[in-house]
Amino acid sequence: MLVIRERFFAFGDDFDVLDEHGNKIYRVDGKVLSPRGKVVIEDADGNEVASVHRQIVALRATYEIRIGGEKAAEVRKKLLTPFRDKFTIDVPGPDDLTMKGNLLDHEYVIELDGQEVAAVSKRWLTIRDTYAVQVSADVNPLLIIGSVLALDLALEREEKRGSDDH
């Protein structure tokens, strides 16, 4: 299980991704002032292992995840999903994943072919403004962390856009 602080983009600060014992696994550097809202994920030694950034030319919110410098996936909102938001994690090849559930409240699952491969929940933790991510052993945790952060970026951006209208 990994522990991630929510709403860090609002402040633009960095934070650590911890395991359930409180050990630092990754550091997330939120470079939110960059035009593409880039987020860098570093290992415990400070080496960049993954990044997430918004693709500007896309028709709908699309974020690219790079792991080890290689494009690993695109996370985008599914079109035509009434009543609930769904995001697709489009990986090269046929094994796309789907994020579904209550995305706004960090209570959702990530599925591959209908099988749950990760779950996100705030209920597992008593720490304020954090949520937990449980990843199955056969999935790259960086792909899941990157996807969760991409979703956070997309929701934060949508929220800002909505508040600009008022």
N, C-alpha and C. Protein backbone atom coordinates (compact mmCIF):
# COMPACT_ATOMS: atom_id res chain seq x y z
N MET A 1 0.84 -1.18 0.00
CA MET A 1 0.00 0.00 0.00
C MET A 1 0.89 1.25 0.00
N LEU A 2 0.51 2.23 -0.81
CA LEU A 2 1.25 3.48 -0.89
C LEU A 2 0.38 4.61 -0.37
N VAL A 3 0.99 5.61 0.24
CA VAL A 3 0.26 6.74 0.80
C VAL A 3 0.65 8.00 0.02
N ILE A 4 -0.38 8.71 -0.48
CA ILE A 4 -0.17 9.92 -1.28
C ILE A 4 -0.98 11.05 -0.68
N ARG A 5 -0.39 12.22 -0.66
CA ARG A 5 -1.10 13.40 -0.15
C ARG A 5 -1.95 13.99 -1.26
N GLU A 6 -3.21 14.28 -0.95
CA GLU A 6 -4.08 14.84 -1.98
C GLU A 6 -3.95 16.37 -2.03
N ARG A 7 -4.34 16.92 -3.14
CA ARG A 7 -4.42 18.36 -3.35
C ARG A 7 -3.07 19.06 -3.23
N PHE A 8 -1.99 18.35 -3.46
CA PHE A 8 -0.68 19.00 -3.37
C PHE A 8 -0.47 19.98 -4.51
N PHE A 9 -1.20 19.80 -5.62
CA PHE A 9 -1.02 20.69 -6.77
C PHE A 9 -1.48 22.11 -6.44
N ALA A 10 -2.42 22.21 -5.53
CA ALA A 10 -2.94 23.52 -5.16
C ALA A 10 -1.83 24.37 -4.53
N PHE A 11 -0.88 23.71 -3.92
CA PHE A 11 0.19 24.44 -3.24
C PHE A 11 1.50 24.39 -4.03
N GLY A 12 1.60 23.44 -4.96
CA GLY A 12 2.79 23.34 -5.79
C GLY A 12 4.01 22.82 -5.06
N ASP A 13 3.78 22.19 -3.93
CA ASP A 13 4.95 21.72 -3.18
C ASP A 13 5.26 20.26 -3.50
N ASP A 14 6.39 19.82 -3.04
CA ASP A 14 6.83 18.45 -3.24
C ASP A 14 6.34 17.61 -2.06
N PHE A 15 6.27 16.31 -2.27
CA PHE A 15 5.91 15.43 -1.16
C PHE A 15 6.45 14.04 -1.43
N ASP A 16 6.47 13.24 -0.39
CA ASP A 16 6.95 11.87 -0.48
C ASP A 16 5.79 10.91 -0.63
N VAL A 17 5.97 9.86 -1.42
CA VAL A 17 5.05 8.74 -1.46
C VAL A 17 5.63 7.71 -0.50
N LEU A 18 4.82 7.31 0.47
CA LEU A 18 5.29 6.43 1.54
C LEU A 18 4.67 5.05 1.41
N ASP A 19 5.34 4.05 1.98
CA ASP A 19 4.68 2.75 2.10
C ASP A 19 3.86 2.75 3.39
N GLU A 20 3.19 1.63 3.66
CA GLU A 20 2.29 1.62 4.83
C GLU A 20 3.03 1.72 6.16
N HIS A 21 4.36 1.55 6.13
CA HIS A 21 5.17 1.67 7.35
C HIS A 21 5.76 3.07 7.51
N GLY A 22 5.44 3.98 6.58
CA GLY A 22 5.97 5.33 6.67
C GLY A 22 7.33 5.52 6.01
N ASN A 23 7.81 4.50 5.30
CA ASN A 23 9.10 4.62 4.61
C ASN A 23 8.91 5.31 3.26
N LYS A 24 9.84 6.19 2.94
CA LYS A 24 9.77 6.92 1.67
C LYS A 24 10.13 5.98 0.52
N ILE A 25 9.22 5.90 -0.46
CA ILE A 25 9.44 5.08 -1.64
C ILE A 25 9.82 5.99 -2.82
N TYR A 26 9.04 7.06 -3.00
CA TYR A 26 9.26 8.01 -4.08
C TYR A 26 9.09 9.43 -3.56
N ARG A 27 9.64 10.37 -4.31
CA ARG A 27 9.43 11.80 -4.05
C ARG A 27 8.76 12.36 -5.29
N VAL A 28 7.72 13.15 -5.08
CA VAL A 28 7.01 13.78 -6.19
C VAL A 28 7.32 15.26 -6.18
N ASP A 29 7.85 15.73 -7.30
CA ASP A 29 8.19 17.14 -7.47
C ASP A 29 7.14 17.75 -8.37
N GLY A 30 6.27 18.54 -7.79
CA GLY A 30 5.18 19.16 -8.55
C GLY A 30 5.63 20.46 -9.19
N LYS A 31 5.99 20.40 -10.44
CA LYS A 31 6.42 21.59 -11.17
C LYS A 31 5.18 22.23 -11.80
N VAL A 32 4.23 22.61 -10.94
CA VAL A 32 2.93 23.06 -11.44
C VAL A 32 2.99 24.39 -12.18
N LEU A 33 4.04 25.14 -11.99
CA LEU A 33 4.11 26.42 -12.67
C LEU A 33 4.58 26.26 -14.11
N SER A 34 5.01 25.06 -14.48
CA SER A 34 5.39 24.84 -15.87
C SER A 34 4.11 24.84 -16.71
N PRO A 35 4.19 25.26 -17.97
CA PRO A 35 2.99 25.39 -18.78
C PRO A 35 2.24 24.08 -18.97
N ARG A 36 2.95 22.96 -18.87
CA ARG A 36 2.29 21.68 -19.09
C ARG A 36 1.98 20.95 -17.78
N GLY A 37 2.08 21.64 -16.66
CA GLY A 37 1.76 21.02 -15.38
C GLY A 37 2.52 19.73 -15.17
N LYS A 38 3.83 19.77 -15.31
CA LYS A 38 4.64 18.56 -15.21
C LYS A 38 4.87 18.16 -13.76
N VAL A 39 4.84 16.87 -13.54
CA VAL A 39 5.13 16.29 -12.24
C VAL A 39 6.23 15.26 -12.45
N VAL A 40 7.27 15.32 -11.63
CA VAL A 40 8.38 14.39 -11.73
C VAL A 40 8.37 13.47 -10.51
N ILE A 41 8.52 12.17 -10.76
CA ILE A 41 8.59 11.19 -9.68
C ILE A 41 10.03 10.72 -9.60
N GLU A 42 10.62 10.84 -8.40
CA GLU A 42 12.01 10.46 -8.18
C GLU A 42 12.08 9.29 -7.23
N ASP A 43 13.12 8.46 -7.38
CA ASP A 43 13.32 7.38 -6.43
C ASP A 43 13.92 7.95 -5.14
N ALA A 44 14.16 7.10 -4.17
CA ALA A 44 14.66 7.55 -2.87
C ALA A 44 16.02 8.25 -2.98
N ASP A 45 16.79 7.98 -4.05
CA ASP A 45 18.10 8.61 -4.24
C ASP A 45 18.02 9.92 -5.03
N GLY A 46 16.81 10.33 -5.41
CA GLY A 46 16.66 11.59 -6.14
C GLY A 46 16.78 11.47 -7.65
N ASN A 47 16.80 10.25 -8.18
CA ASN A 47 16.85 10.05 -9.63
C ASN A 47 15.44 10.05 -10.21
N GLU A 48 15.25 10.77 -11.33
CA GLU A 48 13.93 10.77 -11.97
C GLU A 48 13.63 9.38 -12.52
N VAL A 49 12.50 8.81 -12.12
CA VAL A 49 12.11 7.49 -12.60
C VAL A 49 10.85 7.55 -13.46
N ALA A 50 10.08 8.63 -13.31
CA ALA A 50 8.86 8.79 -14.10
C ALA A 50 8.44 10.25 -14.10
N SER A 51 7.57 10.59 -15.06
CA SER A 51 7.02 11.94 -15.09
C SER A 51 5.62 11.89 -15.67
N VAL A 52 4.84 12.92 -15.36
CA VAL A 52 3.48 13.07 -15.88
C VAL A 52 3.38 14.50 -16.37
N HIS A 53 2.86 14.69 -17.58
CA HIS A 53 2.62 16.05 -18.05
C HIS A 53 1.40 16.09 -18.97
N ARG A 54 0.77 17.24 -18.99
CA ARG A 54 -0.42 17.44 -19.79
C ARG A 54 -0.03 17.63 -21.24
N GLN A 55 -0.79 17.00 -22.12
CA GLN A 55 -0.58 17.20 -23.55
C GLN A 55 -1.48 18.36 -23.99
N ILE A 56 -0.88 19.38 -24.53
CA ILE A 56 -1.61 20.61 -24.84
C ILE A 56 -2.50 20.47 -26.06
N VAL A 57 -2.12 19.68 -27.04
CA VAL A 57 -2.89 19.61 -28.29
C VAL A 57 -4.10 18.68 -28.22
N ALA A 58 -4.27 17.95 -27.15
CA ALA A 58 -5.36 16.98 -27.06
C ALA A 58 -6.72 17.68 -26.96
N LEU A 59 -7.75 17.02 -27.50
CA LEU A 59 -9.11 17.56 -27.46
C LEU A 59 -9.71 17.53 -26.07
N ARG A 60 -9.37 16.51 -25.30
CA ARG A 60 -9.86 16.44 -23.92
C ARG A 60 -8.66 16.23 -23.00
N ALA A 61 -8.88 16.40 -21.73
CA ALA A 61 -7.78 16.30 -20.76
C ALA A 61 -6.99 15.01 -21.00
N THR A 62 -5.74 15.16 -21.39
CA THR A 62 -4.87 14.02 -21.66
C THR A 62 -3.52 14.27 -21.01
N TYR A 63 -3.05 13.27 -20.27
CA TYR A 63 -1.76 13.37 -19.58
C TYR A 63 -0.89 12.20 -20.01
N GLU A 64 0.36 12.50 -20.30
CA GLU A 64 1.30 11.46 -20.71
C GLU A 64 2.15 11.04 -19.51
N ILE A 65 2.29 9.74 -19.35
CA ILE A 65 3.16 9.19 -18.29
C ILE A 65 4.40 8.61 -18.98
N ARG A 66 5.55 9.03 -18.50
CA ARG A 66 6.82 8.48 -19.00
C ARG A 66 7.51 7.79 -17.84
N ILE A 67 7.96 6.56 -18.08
CA ILE A 67 8.69 5.80 -17.07
C ILE A 67 10.05 5.48 -17.66
N GLY A 68 11.10 5.89 -16.96
CA GLY A 68 12.45 5.67 -17.46
C GLY A 68 12.69 6.34 -18.80
N GLY A 69 12.04 7.49 -19.01
CA GLY A 69 12.21 8.25 -20.25
C GLY A 69 11.35 7.76 -21.41
N GLU A 70 10.71 6.61 -21.26
CA GLU A 70 9.88 6.04 -22.34
C GLU A 70 8.41 6.33 -22.06
N LYS A 71 7.66 6.60 -23.13
CA LYS A 71 6.22 6.81 -22.97
C LYS A 71 5.58 5.50 -22.51
N ALA A 72 4.91 5.55 -21.36
CA ALA A 72 4.31 4.34 -20.79
C ALA A 72 2.79 4.32 -20.97
N ALA A 73 2.16 5.50 -20.97
CA ALA A 73 0.70 5.54 -21.08
C ALA A 73 0.22 6.96 -21.28
N GLU A 74 -1.02 7.07 -21.72
CA GLU A 74 -1.75 8.33 -21.73
C GLU A 74 -2.99 8.13 -20.88
N VAL A 75 -3.26 9.09 -20.01
CA VAL A 75 -4.45 9.03 -19.17
C VAL A 75 -5.39 10.10 -19.70
N ARG A 76 -6.62 9.67 -20.04
CA ARG A 76 -7.57 10.65 -20.57
C ARG A 76 -8.98 10.31 -20.11
N LYS A 77 -9.78 11.36 -20.05
CA LYS A 77 -11.17 11.20 -19.67
C LYS A 77 -11.92 10.51 -20.79
N LYS A 78 -12.74 9.53 -20.44
CA LYS A 78 -13.54 8.85 -21.45
C LYS A 78 -14.67 9.77 -21.87
N LEU A 79 -14.97 9.77 -23.14
CA LEU A 79 -16.11 10.53 -23.64
C LEU A 79 -17.39 9.74 -23.42
N LEU A 80 -18.49 10.47 -23.32
CA LEU A 80 -19.81 9.84 -23.22
C LEU A 80 -19.94 8.87 -22.06
N THR A 81 -19.57 9.31 -20.89
CA THR A 81 -19.80 8.49 -19.70
C THR A 81 -20.72 9.27 -18.77
N PRO A 82 -22.02 9.15 -18.98
CA PRO A 82 -22.96 9.91 -18.15
C PRO A 82 -22.95 9.41 -16.71
N PHE A 83 -23.28 10.31 -15.80
CA PHE A 83 -23.45 10.02 -14.37
C PHE A 83 -22.17 9.77 -13.59
N ARG A 84 -21.09 9.45 -14.25
CA ARG A 84 -19.85 9.24 -13.51
C ARG A 84 -18.68 9.46 -14.45
N ASP A 85 -17.62 9.94 -13.88
CA ASP A 85 -16.41 10.12 -14.68
C ASP A 85 -15.66 8.81 -14.76
N LYS A 86 -15.08 8.56 -15.92
CA LYS A 86 -14.20 7.42 -16.10
C LYS A 86 -12.98 7.93 -16.84
N PHE A 87 -11.83 7.44 -16.47
CA PHE A 87 -10.61 7.77 -17.18
C PHE A 87 -10.01 6.49 -17.73
N THR A 88 -9.41 6.60 -18.91
CA THR A 88 -8.72 5.48 -19.53
C THR A 88 -7.22 5.67 -19.36
N ILE A 89 -6.53 4.59 -19.03
CA ILE A 89 -5.07 4.58 -19.01
C ILE A 89 -4.66 3.79 -20.25
N ASP A 90 -4.33 4.53 -21.29
CA ASP A 90 -4.04 3.95 -22.60
C ASP A 90 -2.56 3.61 -22.67
N VAL A 91 -2.26 2.32 -22.57
CA VAL A 91 -0.87 1.86 -22.63
C VAL A 91 -0.60 1.32 -24.03
N PRO A 92 0.65 1.31 -24.47
CA PRO A 92 0.95 0.72 -25.78
C PRO A 92 0.50 -0.74 -25.81
N GLY A 93 -0.15 -1.14 -26.87
CA GLY A 93 -0.67 -2.50 -26.95
C GLY A 93 -2.10 -2.59 -26.46
N PRO A 94 -2.58 -3.80 -26.23
CA PRO A 94 -4.01 -4.00 -25.96
C PRO A 94 -4.43 -3.86 -24.49
N ASP A 95 -3.50 -3.73 -23.56
CA ASP A 95 -3.86 -3.84 -22.14
C ASP A 95 -4.20 -2.51 -21.47
N ASP A 96 -5.17 -1.77 -22.03
CA ASP A 96 -5.57 -0.50 -21.43
C ASP A 96 -6.27 -0.76 -20.10
N LEU A 97 -6.12 0.22 -19.21
CA LEU A 97 -6.75 0.13 -17.90
C LEU A 97 -7.84 1.20 -17.81
N THR A 98 -8.77 1.01 -16.87
CA THR A 98 -9.86 1.96 -16.66
C THR A 98 -9.91 2.34 -15.20
N MET A 99 -10.04 3.66 -14.95
CA MET A 99 -10.23 4.16 -13.59
C MET A 99 -11.72 4.45 -13.45
N LYS A 100 -12.35 3.86 -12.43
CA LYS A 100 -13.78 4.14 -12.26
C LYS A 100 -14.18 4.08 -10.80
N GLY A 101 -15.21 4.83 -10.51
CA GLY A 101 -15.69 4.95 -9.14
C GLY A 101 -15.87 6.41 -8.83
N ASN A 102 -15.73 6.79 -7.58
CA ASN A 102 -15.87 8.18 -7.18
C ASN A 102 -14.49 8.83 -7.25
N LEU A 103 -14.13 9.32 -8.44
CA LEU A 103 -12.80 9.85 -8.68
C LEU A 103 -12.52 11.09 -7.86
N LEU A 104 -13.53 11.94 -7.73
CA LEU A 104 -13.36 13.20 -7.01
C LEU A 104 -13.02 12.98 -5.53
N ASP A 105 -13.60 11.96 -4.95
CA ASP A 105 -13.39 11.70 -3.52
C ASP A 105 -12.31 10.63 -3.24
N HIS A 106 -11.54 10.29 -4.27
CA HIS A 106 -10.47 9.30 -4.10
C HIS A 106 -10.99 7.98 -3.53
N GLU A 107 -12.08 7.50 -4.12
CA GLU A 107 -12.64 6.19 -3.79
C GLU A 107 -12.92 5.49 -5.11
N TYR A 108 -11.90 4.86 -5.69
CA TYR A 108 -12.10 4.25 -7.00
C TYR A 108 -11.16 3.07 -7.20
N VAL A 109 -11.39 2.33 -8.27
CA VAL A 109 -10.54 1.20 -8.61
C VAL A 109 -9.96 1.41 -10.01
N ILE A 110 -8.88 0.71 -10.27
CA ILE A 110 -8.28 0.68 -11.60
C ILE A 110 -8.36 -0.77 -12.05
N GLU A 111 -8.95 -0.96 -13.25
CA GLU A 111 -9.20 -2.31 -13.74
C GLU A 111 -8.49 -2.56 -15.06
N LEU A 112 -8.13 -3.82 -15.25
CA LEU A 112 -7.58 -4.31 -16.51
C LEU A 112 -8.47 -5.47 -16.93
N ASP A 113 -9.15 -5.33 -18.05
CA ASP A 113 -10.09 -6.36 -18.52
C ASP A 113 -11.10 -6.75 -17.44
N GLY A 114 -11.61 -5.76 -16.72
CA GLY A 114 -12.62 -6.03 -15.70
C GLY A 114 -12.07 -6.55 -14.38
N GLN A 115 -10.76 -6.79 -14.31
CA GLN A 115 -10.14 -7.27 -13.07
C GLN A 115 -9.48 -6.10 -12.35
N GLU A 116 -9.73 -5.97 -11.06
CA GLU A 116 -9.14 -4.88 -10.28
C GLU A 116 -7.64 -5.12 -10.11
N VAL A 117 -6.83 -4.11 -10.51
CA VAL A 117 -5.37 -4.21 -10.34
C VAL A 117 -4.85 -3.18 -9.33
N ALA A 118 -5.71 -2.20 -9.00
CA ALA A 118 -5.33 -1.21 -7.99
C ALA A 118 -6.60 -0.61 -7.41
N ALA A 119 -6.49 -0.14 -6.19
CA ALA A 119 -7.62 0.53 -5.54
C ALA A 119 -7.09 1.76 -4.83
N VAL A 120 -7.92 2.81 -4.84
CA VAL A 120 -7.56 4.07 -4.20
C VAL A 120 -8.65 4.40 -3.19
N SER A 121 -8.25 4.75 -1.97
CA SER A 121 -9.24 5.06 -0.94
C SER A 121 -8.67 5.97 0.12
N LYS A 122 -9.52 6.87 0.61
CA LYS A 122 -9.15 7.69 1.75
C LYS A 122 -9.56 7.00 3.05
N ARG A 123 -10.46 6.05 2.96
CA ARG A 123 -11.01 5.43 4.16
C ARG A 123 -10.01 4.58 4.91
N TRP A 124 -8.95 4.11 4.24
CA TRP A 124 -7.97 3.25 4.90
C TRP A 124 -7.06 4.02 5.83
N LEU A 125 -7.08 5.34 5.73
CA LEU A 125 -6.14 6.15 6.49
C LEU A 125 -6.86 7.11 7.42
N THR A 126 -6.20 7.45 8.51
CA THR A 126 -6.75 8.45 9.41
C THR A 126 -6.03 9.79 9.24
N ILE A 127 -5.00 9.81 8.40
CA ILE A 127 -4.23 11.05 8.20
C ILE A 127 -5.02 11.96 7.27
N ARG A 128 -5.18 13.21 7.68
CA ARG A 128 -5.94 14.17 6.89
C ARG A 128 -5.25 14.44 5.55
N ASP A 129 -6.08 14.67 4.51
CA ASP A 129 -5.59 15.05 3.19
C ASP A 129 -4.64 14.04 2.57
N THR A 130 -4.84 12.77 2.87
CA THR A 130 -4.04 11.73 2.23
C THR A 130 -4.98 10.63 1.73
N TYR A 131 -4.49 9.86 0.80
CA TYR A 131 -5.24 8.69 0.37
C TYR A 131 -4.25 7.57 0.12
N ALA A 132 -4.77 6.34 0.13
CA ALA A 132 -3.93 5.17 -0.03
C ALA A 132 -4.17 4.56 -1.40
N VAL A 133 -3.11 3.99 -1.96
CA VAL A 133 -3.19 3.31 -3.24
C VAL A 133 -2.66 1.90 -3.02
N GLN A 134 -3.50 0.92 -3.31
CA GLN A 134 -3.08 -0.48 -3.20
C GLN A 134 -2.91 -1.02 -4.61
N VAL A 135 -1.73 -1.55 -4.91
CA VAL A 135 -1.39 -1.99 -6.26
C VAL A 135 -1.11 -3.48 -6.23
N SER A 136 -1.71 -4.23 -7.16
CA SER A 136 -1.42 -5.67 -7.22
C SER A 136 0.01 -5.89 -7.71
N ALA A 137 0.54 -7.03 -7.37
CA ALA A 137 1.97 -7.30 -7.58
C ALA A 137 2.37 -7.33 -9.06
N ASP A 138 1.42 -7.63 -9.96
CA ASP A 138 1.78 -7.78 -11.36
C ASP A 138 1.67 -6.48 -12.17
N VAL A 139 1.49 -5.35 -11.50
CA VAL A 139 1.37 -4.07 -12.18
C VAL A 139 2.49 -3.14 -11.71
N ASN A 140 3.07 -2.39 -12.64
CA ASN A 140 4.13 -1.45 -12.30
C ASN A 140 3.55 -0.34 -11.41
N PRO A 141 4.03 -0.21 -10.17
CA PRO A 141 3.48 0.82 -9.29
C PRO A 141 3.67 2.23 -9.86
N LEU A 142 4.73 2.46 -10.64
CA LEU A 142 4.94 3.79 -11.23
C LEU A 142 3.83 4.14 -12.22
N LEU A 143 3.33 3.13 -12.95
CA LEU A 143 2.21 3.37 -13.87
C LEU A 143 0.97 3.80 -13.09
N ILE A 144 0.73 3.12 -11.98
CA ILE A 144 -0.45 3.44 -11.17
C ILE A 144 -0.28 4.80 -10.50
N ILE A 145 0.87 5.05 -9.90
CA ILE A 145 1.10 6.35 -9.25
C ILE A 145 0.98 7.47 -10.28
N GLY A 146 1.61 7.30 -11.44
CA GLY A 146 1.52 8.30 -12.50
C GLY A 146 0.09 8.55 -12.92
N SER A 147 -0.70 7.49 -13.03
CA SER A 147 -2.10 7.61 -13.44
C SER A 147 -2.92 8.35 -12.39
N VAL A 148 -2.69 8.01 -11.12
CA VAL A 148 -3.40 8.67 -10.03
C VAL A 148 -3.05 10.17 -9.99
N LEU A 149 -1.77 10.48 -10.19
CA LEU A 149 -1.35 11.89 -10.20
C LEU A 149 -1.92 12.62 -11.42
N ALA A 150 -1.99 11.93 -12.57
CA ALA A 150 -2.58 12.53 -13.76
C ALA A 150 -4.05 12.86 -13.51
N LEU A 151 -4.75 11.95 -12.86
CA LEU A 151 -6.15 12.20 -12.53
C LEU A 151 -6.27 13.40 -11.60
N ASP A 152 -5.40 13.47 -10.58
CA ASP A 152 -5.41 14.62 -9.68
C ASP A 152 -5.17 15.93 -10.44
N LEU A 153 -4.22 15.92 -11.37
CA LEU A 153 -3.95 17.11 -12.18
C LEU A 153 -5.18 17.50 -13.00
N ALA A 154 -5.82 16.52 -13.61
CA ALA A 154 -6.99 16.78 -14.45
C ALA A 154 -8.14 17.35 -13.61
N LEU A 155 -8.39 16.76 -12.45
CA LEU A 155 -9.48 17.23 -11.59
C LEU A 155 -9.19 18.62 -11.05
N GLU A 156 -7.94 18.87 -10.68
CA GLU A 156 -7.54 20.19 -10.19
C GLU A 156 -7.74 21.24 -11.27
N ARG A 157 -7.37 20.90 -12.49
CA ARG A 157 -7.51 21.82 -13.63
C ARG A 157 -8.98 22.10 -13.91
N GLU A 158 -9.80 21.05 -13.86
CA GLU A 158 -11.23 21.19 -14.09
C GLU A 158 -11.87 22.08 -13.03
N GLU A 159 -11.45 21.86 -11.79
CA GLU A 159 -11.96 22.65 -10.66
C GLU A 159 -11.60 24.13 -10.83
N LYS A 160 -10.35 24.39 -11.24
CA LYS A 160 -9.92 25.78 -11.46
C LYS A 160 -10.71 26.43 -12.58
N ARG A 161 -10.93 25.66 -13.65
CA ARG A 161 -11.67 26.20 -14.78
C ARG A 161 -13.10 26.53 -14.37
N GLY A 162 -13.71 25.66 -13.55
CA GLY A 162 -15.06 25.89 -13.07
C GLY A 162 -15.15 27.12 -12.19
N SER A 163 -14.14 27.37 -11.37
CA SER A 163 -14.18 28.53 -10.48
C SER A 163 -13.87 29.82 -11.25
N ASP A 164 -13.20 29.71 -12.39
CA ASP A 164 -12.95 30.89 -13.21
C ASP A 164 -14.23 31.40 -13.86
N ASP A 165 -15.21 30.51 -14.04
CA ASP A 165 -16.46 30.89 -14.70
C ASP A 165 -17.36 31.72 -13.80
N HIS A 166 -17.14 31.67 -12.51
CA HIS A 166 -18.06 32.37 -11.58
C HIS A 166 -17.57 33.77 -11.27
